[in-house]
């Protein structure tokens, strides 16, 4: 069920080895994939930094302001801290191109997409926040679903 056929590996090898020698140092398909992998990792690290900043902000707010419910404030802080740990872990996994990190990054981007959609609606709509969340989420999902990037995250089976 998890086995890949040899044609997929041959196509992967061919796409990595294909080069464009027409312009002396022209870009290769491999460099495009490398750029996509760097963009995914950079965006994941930026999202991780934003989550860590949010944790710090919530801790400062917890001590500086009096919340209407300490239980709710602490629960929110714990949930955001767990999310921050998750995104940091996914970002480091993405650097190593760990196979699990692709799925985890897609799940995070879908969660971020849902928050972005909520930011565009309602009485307290914040379209600026919505766009800041929406654009990287769609970019990362698109790049992670691109076939060469998807293949870069797969690990060869032990034979």
C-alpha atoms as a PDB file:
ATOM      1  CA  UNK A   1       0.000   0.000   0.000  1.00  0.00           C
ATOM      2  CA  UNK A   2       2.873   2.396   0.749  1.00  0.00           C
ATOM      3  CA  UNK A   3       4.970   1.126  -2.115  1.00  0.00           C
ATOM      4  CA  UNK A   4       5.773   3.454  -4.963  1.00  0.00           C
ATOM      5  CA  UNK A   5       6.347   2.103  -8.433  1.00  0.00           C
ATOM      6  CA  UNK A   6       9.683   2.421 -10.192  1.00  0.00           C
ATOM      7  CA  UNK A   7       8.260   4.847 -12.773  1.00  0.00           C
ATOM      8  CA  UNK A   8       7.703   7.470 -10.070  1.00  0.00           C
ATOM      9  CA  UNK A   9      11.313   7.139  -8.918  1.00  0.00           C
ATOM     10  CA  UNK A  10      12.567   7.272 -12.502  1.00  0.00           C
ATOM     11  CA  UNK A  11      10.528  10.433 -13.111  1.00  0.00           C
ATOM     12  CA  UNK A  12      11.931  11.960  -9.928  1.00  0.00           C
ATOM     13  CA  UNK A  13      15.497  11.144 -10.939  1.00  0.00           C
ATOM     14  CA  UNK A  14      14.934  12.485 -14.462  1.00  0.00           C
ATOM     15  CA  UNK A  15      13.446  15.748 -13.185  1.00  0.00           C
ATOM     16  CA  UNK A  16      16.324  16.296 -10.780  1.00  0.00           C
ATOM     17  CA  UNK A  17      18.958  15.530 -13.411  1.00  0.00           C
ATOM     18  CA  UNK A  18      17.333  17.578 -16.161  1.00  0.00           C
ATOM     19  CA  UNK A  19      19.306  20.735 -16.912  1.00  0.00           C
ATOM     20  CA  UNK A  20      18.923  23.655 -19.269  1.00  0.00           C
ATOM     21  CA  UNK A  21      22.310  24.257 -20.894  1.00  0.00           C
ATOM     22  CA  UNK A  22      21.097  26.901 -23.355  1.00  0.00           C
ATOM     23  CA  UNK A  23      22.214  29.938 -21.373  1.00  0.00           C
ATOM     24  CA  UNK A  24      25.458  29.037 -19.705  1.00  0.00           C
ATOM     25  CA  UNK A  25      24.217  29.205 -16.089  1.00  0.00           C
ATOM     26  CA  UNK A  26      20.495  29.119 -16.629  1.00  0.00           C
ATOM     27  CA  UNK A  27      18.144  27.985 -13.928  1.00  0.00           C
ATOM     28  CA  UNK A  28      17.437  24.286 -13.690  1.00  0.00           C
ATOM     29  CA  UNK A  29      14.252  22.608 -12.581  1.00  0.00           C
ATOM     30  CA  UNK A  30      16.192  21.528  -9.514  1.00  0.00           C
ATOM     31  CA  UNK A  31      16.875  25.164  -8.562  1.00  0.00           C
ATOM     32  CA  UNK A  32      13.157  25.961  -8.791  1.00  0.00           C
ATOM     33  CA  UNK A  33      12.392  23.152  -6.370  1.00  0.00           C
ATOM     34  CA  UNK A  34      15.191  24.337  -4.087  1.00  0.00           C
ATOM     35  CA  UNK A  35      13.726  27.853  -4.080  1.00  0.00           C
ATOM     36  CA  UNK A  36      10.268  26.447  -3.301  1.00  0.00           C
ATOM     37  CA  UNK A  37      11.667  24.426  -0.391  1.00  0.00           C
ATOM     38  CA  UNK A  38      13.432  27.511   0.967  1.00  0.00           C
ATOM     39  CA  UNK A  39      10.249  29.601   0.653  1.00  0.00           C
ATOM     40  CA  UNK A  40       8.240  26.947   2.535  1.00  0.00           C
ATOM     41  CA  UNK A  41      10.827  26.755   5.316  1.00  0.00           C
ATOM     42  CA  UNK A  42      11.161  30.540   5.610  1.00  0.00           C
ATOM     43  CA  UNK A  43       7.387  31.016   5.792  1.00  0.00           C
ATOM     44  CA  UNK A  44       7.086  28.273   8.417  1.00  0.00           C
ATOM     45  CA  UNK A  45       9.820  29.897  10.520  1.00  0.00           C
ATOM     46  CA  UNK A  46       8.119  33.294  10.194  1.00  0.00           C
ATOM     47  CA  UNK A  47       4.846  31.727  11.335  1.00  0.00           C
ATOM     48  CA  UNK A  48       6.687  30.064  14.228  1.00  0.00           C
ATOM     49  CA  UNK A  49       8.190  33.413  15.223  1.00  0.00           C
ATOM     50  CA  UNK A  50       4.737  34.998  15.102  1.00  0.00           C
ATOM     51  CA  UNK A  51       3.351  32.248  17.321  1.00  0.00           C
ATOM     52  CA  UNK A  52       6.183  32.697  19.823  1.00  0.00           C
ATOM     53  CA  UNK A  53       5.551  36.461  19.821  1.00  0.00           C
ATOM     54  CA  UNK A  54       1.874  35.762  20.468  1.00  0.00           C
ATOM     55  CA  UNK A  55       2.776  33.544  23.446  1.00  0.00           C
ATOM     56  CA  UNK A  56       4.975  36.305  24.876  1.00  0.00           C
ATOM     57  CA  UNK A  57       2.228  38.868  24.314  1.00  0.00           C
ATOM     58  CA  UNK A  58      -0.347  36.665  26.085  1.00  0.00           C
ATOM     59  CA  UNK A  59       2.001  36.120  29.049  1.00  0.00           C
ATOM     60  CA  UNK A  60       2.579  39.868  29.373  1.00  0.00           C
ATOM     61  CA  UNK A  61      -1.162  40.527  29.106  1.00  0.00           C
ATOM     62  CA  UNK A  62      -1.871  37.896  31.755  1.00  0.00           C
ATOM     63  CA  UNK A  63       0.348  39.685  34.260  1.00  0.00           C
ATOM     64  CA  UNK A  64      -0.233  43.293  33.178  1.00  0.00           C
ATOM     65  CA  UNK A  65      -4.017  43.219  32.803  1.00  0.00           C
ATOM     66  CA  UNK A  66      -6.679  41.556  34.868  1.00  0.00           C
ATOM     67  CA  UNK A  67      -8.589  39.086  32.691  1.00  0.00           C
ATOM     68  CA  UNK A  68     -12.287  38.565  33.246  1.00  0.00           C
ATOM     69  CA  UNK A  69     -11.508  34.862  33.695  1.00  0.00           C
ATOM     70  CA  UNK A  70      -8.086  33.613  34.711  1.00  0.00           C
ATOM     71  CA  UNK A  71      -9.029  30.049  33.750  1.00  0.00           C
ATOM     72  CA  UNK A  72      -9.871  31.113  30.197  1.00  0.00           C
ATOM     73  CA  UNK A  73      -6.756  33.272  29.890  1.00  0.00           C
ATOM     74  CA  UNK A  74      -4.507  30.449  31.064  1.00  0.00           C
ATOM     75  CA  UNK A  75      -6.260  27.926  28.813  1.00  0.00           C
ATOM     76  CA  UNK A  76      -5.774  30.224  25.822  1.00  0.00           C
ATOM     77  CA  UNK A  77      -2.118  30.702  26.730  1.00  0.00           C
ATOM     78  CA  UNK A  78      -1.577  26.934  26.996  1.00  0.00           C
ATOM     79  CA  UNK A  79      -3.270  26.292  23.634  1.00  0.00           C
ATOM     80  CA  UNK A  80      -1.242  28.975  21.890  1.00  0.00           C
ATOM     81  CA  UNK A  81       1.971  27.652  23.484  1.00  0.00           C
ATOM     82  CA  UNK A  82       1.177  24.136  22.228  1.00  0.00           C
ATOM     83  CA  UNK A  83       0.515  25.575  18.772  1.00  0.00           C
ATOM     84  CA  UNK A  84       3.802  27.485  18.869  1.00  0.00           C
ATOM     85  CA  UNK A  85       5.727  24.355  19.821  1.00  0.00           C
ATOM     86  CA  UNK A  86       4.013  22.494  16.986  1.00  0.00           C
ATOM     87  CA  UNK A  87       4.855  25.139  14.368  1.00  0.00           C
ATOM     88  CA  UNK A  88       8.479  25.385  15.537  1.00  0.00           C
ATOM     89  CA  UNK A  89       8.788  21.593  15.306  1.00  0.00           C
ATOM     90  CA  UNK A  90       7.222  21.564  11.833  1.00  0.00           C
ATOM     91  CA  UNK A  91       9.556  24.339  10.666  1.00  0.00           C
ATOM     92  CA  UNK A  92      12.641  22.423  11.801  1.00  0.00           C
ATOM     93  CA  UNK A  93      11.241  19.241  10.253  1.00  0.00           C
ATOM     94  CA  UNK A  94      10.749  21.133   7.008  1.00  0.00           C
ATOM     95  CA  UNK A  95      14.416  22.104   6.993  1.00  0.00           C
ATOM     96  CA  UNK A  96      15.298  18.409   7.118  1.00  0.00           C
ATOM     97  CA  UNK A  97      12.549  17.614   4.597  1.00  0.00           C
ATOM     98  CA  UNK A  98      11.086  15.097   7.033  1.00  0.00           C
ATOM     99  CA  UNK A  99       8.169  13.306   5.432  1.00  0.00           C
ATOM    100  CA  UNK A 100       5.830  13.996   8.364  1.00  0.00           C
ATOM    101  CA  UNK A 101       6.481  17.746   8.262  1.00  0.00           C
ATOM    102  CA  UNK A 102       4.697  18.199   4.919  1.00  0.00           C
ATOM    103  CA  UNK A 103       1.384  16.891   6.271  1.00  0.00           C
ATOM    104  CA  UNK A 104       1.762  18.802   9.531  1.00  0.00           C
ATOM    105  CA  UNK A 105       2.510  22.017   7.614  1.00  0.00           C
ATOM    106  CA  UNK A 106      -0.578  21.551   5.441  1.00  0.00           C
ATOM    107  CA  UNK A 107      -2.744  21.021   8.537  1.00  0.00           C
ATOM    108  CA  UNK A 108      -1.311  24.187  10.106  1.00  0.00           C
ATOM    109  CA  UNK A 109      -1.962  26.174   6.924  1.00  0.00           C
ATOM    110  CA  UNK A 110      -5.592  24.973   6.822  1.00  0.00           C
ATOM    111  CA  UNK A 111      -6.037  26.101  10.435  1.00  0.00           C
ATOM    112  CA  UNK A 112      -4.462  29.429   9.524  1.00  0.00           C
ATOM    113  CA  UNK A 113      -6.775  29.683   6.498  1.00  0.00           C
ATOM    114  CA  UNK A 114      -9.826  29.210   8.711  1.00  0.00           C
ATOM    115  CA  UNK A 115      -8.647  31.989  11.031  1.00  0.00           C
ATOM    116  CA  UNK A 116      -8.016  34.227   8.008  1.00  0.00           C
ATOM    117  CA  UNK A 117     -11.543  33.654   6.698  1.00  0.00           C
ATOM    118  CA  UNK A 118     -12.903  34.559  10.130  1.00  0.00           C
ATOM    119  CA  UNK A 119     -10.826  37.738  10.136  1.00  0.00           C
ATOM    120  CA  UNK A 120     -12.629  38.949   7.000  1.00  0.00           C
ATOM    121  CA  UNK A 121     -16.100  38.592   8.548  1.00  0.00           C
ATOM    122  CA  UNK A 122     -18.188  39.779  11.433  1.00  0.00           C
ATOM    123  CA  UNK A 123     -18.598  42.844  13.558  1.00  0.00           C
ATOM    124  CA  UNK A 124     -14.889  43.052  14.402  1.00  0.00           C
ATOM    125  CA  UNK A 125     -13.566  42.176  10.922  1.00  0.00           C
ATOM    126  CA  UNK A 126      -9.862  42.800  10.338  1.00  0.00           C
ATOM    127  CA  UNK A 127      -9.114  42.359   6.616  1.00  0.00           C
ATOM    128  CA  UNK A 128      -5.478  43.355   7.171  1.00  0.00           C
ATOM    129  CA  UNK A 129      -4.979  40.443   9.560  1.00  0.00           C
ATOM    130  CA  UNK A 130      -6.922  38.212   7.182  1.00  0.00           C
ATOM    131  CA  UNK A 131      -4.597  38.971   4.268  1.00  0.00           C
ATOM    132  CA  UNK A 132      -1.483  38.513   6.421  1.00  0.00           C
ATOM    133  CA  UNK A 133      -2.728  35.039   7.340  1.00  0.00           C
ATOM    134  CA  UNK A 134      -4.268  34.094   3.992  1.00  0.00           C
ATOM    135  CA  UNK A 135      -1.401  34.823   1.573  1.00  0.00           C
ATOM    136  CA  UNK A 136       1.297  32.711   3.301  1.00  0.00           C
ATOM    137  CA  UNK A 137      -1.179  29.888   3.944  1.00  0.00           C
ATOM    138  CA  UNK A 138      -2.164  29.636   0.286  1.00  0.00           C
ATOM    139  CA  UNK A 139       1.473  29.986  -0.796  1.00  0.00           C
ATOM    140  CA  UNK A 140       2.693  27.180   1.477  1.00  0.00           C
ATOM    141  CA  UNK A 141      -0.204  24.868   0.581  1.00  0.00           C
ATOM    142  CA  UNK A 142       0.370  25.473  -3.116  1.00  0.00           C
ATOM    143  CA  UNK A 143       4.093  24.818  -2.863  1.00  0.00           C
ATOM    144  CA  UNK A 144       3.666  21.704  -0.730  1.00  0.00           C
ATOM    145  CA  UNK A 145       1.165  20.268  -3.206  1.00  0.00           C
ATOM    146  CA  UNK A 146       3.454  20.934  -6.195  1.00  0.00           C
ATOM    147  CA  UNK A 147       4.665  17.517  -7.411  1.00  0.00           C
ATOM    148  CA  UNK A 148       8.457  18.167  -7.307  1.00  0.00           C
ATOM    149  CA  UNK A 149       8.219  19.569  -3.767  1.00  0.00           C
ATOM    150  CA  UNK A 150       5.971  16.693  -2.719  1.00  0.00           C
ATOM    151  CA  UNK A 151       8.574  14.261  -4.046  1.00  0.00           C
ATOM    152  CA  UNK A 152      11.330  16.120  -2.194  1.00  0.00           C
ATOM    153  CA  UNK A 153       9.531  15.380   1.078  1.00  0.00           C
ATOM    154  CA  UNK A 154       9.215  11.656   0.363  1.00  0.00           C
ATOM    155  CA  UNK A 155      11.843   9.351   1.687  1.00  0.00           C
ATOM    156  CA  UNK A 156      13.089   6.433  -0.361  1.00  0.00           C
ATOM    157  CA  UNK A 157      11.928   3.056   0.822  1.00  0.00           C
ATOM    158  CA  UNK A 158      14.472   0.717   2.313  1.00  0.00           C
ATOM    159  CA  UNK A 159      15.142  -2.070  -0.129  1.00  0.00           C
END
